[in-house]
């Protein structure tokens, strides 16, 4: 069993991507067509910035998850053969 639980990171990646998509789509759809609705333009810019930030955070979490997967691949235990009495005698450990 692994000491690191990747399920939480997978959920965080998916939530970040979902919220980034929602923020990006909202920013696109509420962009004003006239200057009278400048407040929606400000809100749209804030949503686009937060969408970009969430996307960057999701990519960083994906890289972290990939790095942990590579480390755990390298750290797999290797089986060793048991030393026989004859091998121990040859090595000078038994008389």
Protein backbone atom coordinates (compact mmCIF):
# COMPACT_ATOMS: atom_id res chain seq x y z
CA UNK A 1 0.00 0.00 0.00
CA UNK A 2 1.27 3.43 -0.91
CA UNK A 3 1.75 6.14 1.68
CA UNK A 4 0.68 8.73 -0.90
CA UNK A 5 -2.96 8.84 -1.94
CA UNK A 6 -3.32 10.21 -5.47
CA UNK A 7 -7.13 10.16 -5.48
CA UNK A 8 -7.30 13.57 -3.78
CA UNK A 9 -5.04 15.10 -6.42
CA UNK A 10 -7.11 13.59 -9.22
CA UNK A 11 -10.26 15.10 -7.74
CA UNK A 12 -8.51 18.47 -7.33
CA UNK A 13 -7.32 18.41 -10.95
CA UNK A 14 -10.81 17.66 -12.24
CA UNK A 15 -12.44 20.31 -10.04
CA UNK A 16 -9.87 22.92 -11.11
CA UNK A 17 -10.44 22.10 -14.78
CA UNK A 18 -14.22 22.19 -14.37
CA UNK A 19 -14.21 25.54 -12.56
CA UNK A 20 -11.69 26.96 -15.07
CA UNK A 21 -14.01 25.95 -17.91
CA UNK A 22 -17.03 27.48 -16.18
CA UNK A 23 -15.15 30.73 -15.47
CA UNK A 24 -13.82 30.91 -19.03
CA UNK A 25 -17.23 30.30 -20.58
CA UNK A 26 -18.83 32.83 -18.23
CA UNK A 27 -16.17 35.39 -19.12
CA UNK A 28 -16.86 34.83 -22.81
CA UNK A 29 -20.64 35.02 -22.56
CA UNK A 30 -20.91 38.09 -20.30
CA UNK A 31 -18.47 40.22 -22.29
CA UNK A 32 -20.40 43.45 -22.98
CA UNK A 33 -21.25 44.63 -26.47
CA UNK A 34 -21.59 48.30 -25.51
CA UNK A 35 -19.76 50.65 -23.18
CA UNK A 36 -22.86 51.06 -21.02
CA UNK A 37 -22.26 47.63 -19.52
CA UNK A 38 -18.64 48.25 -18.54
CA UNK A 39 -19.18 46.50 -15.18
CA UNK A 40 -19.72 43.22 -16.99
CA UNK A 41 -16.45 43.82 -18.83
CA UNK A 42 -14.62 44.17 -15.52
CA UNK A 43 -16.28 41.01 -14.20
CA UNK A 44 -15.45 39.21 -17.44
CA UNK A 45 -11.78 40.14 -17.12
CA UNK A 46 -11.70 38.89 -13.51
CA UNK A 47 -13.31 35.61 -14.55
CA UNK A 48 -10.79 35.16 -17.37
CA UNK A 49 -7.88 35.77 -14.99
CA UNK A 50 -9.24 33.29 -12.47
CA UNK A 51 -9.83 30.77 -15.26
CA UNK A 52 -6.21 31.08 -16.35
CA UNK A 53 -4.98 30.75 -12.76
CA UNK A 54 -7.06 27.61 -12.20
CA UNK A 55 -5.79 26.13 -15.45
CA UNK A 56 -2.17 26.74 -14.40
CA UNK A 57 -2.87 25.17 -11.00
CA UNK A 58 -4.42 22.08 -12.64
CA UNK A 59 -1.39 21.68 -14.91
CA UNK A 60 0.94 21.96 -11.91
CA UNK A 61 -1.04 19.27 -10.08
CA UNK A 62 -0.86 17.02 -13.16
CA UNK A 63 2.92 17.43 -13.27
CA UNK A 64 3.15 16.66 -9.55
CA UNK A 65 1.04 13.52 -9.97
CA UNK A 66 3.19 12.38 -12.89
CA UNK A 67 6.37 12.98 -10.89
CA UNK A 68 5.07 10.92 -7.95
CA UNK A 69 4.10 8.13 -10.35
CA UNK A 70 7.63 8.09 -11.80
CA UNK A 71 9.17 8.02 -8.32
CA UNK A 72 6.94 5.19 -7.20
CA UNK A 73 7.88 3.17 -10.29
CA UNK A 74 11.56 3.44 -9.43
CA UNK A 75 11.03 2.54 -5.80
CA UNK A 76 9.52 -0.90 -6.40
CA UNK A 77 11.11 -3.54 -4.17
CA UNK A 78 13.25 -6.16 -5.84
CA UNK A 79 13.24 -9.75 -4.75
CA UNK A 80 16.47 -11.30 -3.53
CA UNK A 81 17.42 -14.93 -3.40
CA UNK A 82 18.09 -16.51 -0.05
CA UNK A 83 21.69 -17.35 0.63
CA UNK A 84 22.36 -21.03 0.93
CA UNK A 85 24.75 -22.51 3.47
CA UNK A 86 27.17 -23.33 0.66
CA UNK A 87 27.18 -19.73 -0.60
CA UNK A 88 27.80 -18.48 2.95
CA UNK A 89 30.74 -20.89 3.33
CA UNK A 90 32.23 -19.72 0.04
CA UNK A 91 31.94 -16.12 1.21
CA UNK A 92 33.73 -16.98 4.45
CA UNK A 93 30.77 -16.28 6.71
CA UNK A 94 30.37 -19.86 7.94
CA UNK A 95 32.95 -22.46 8.86
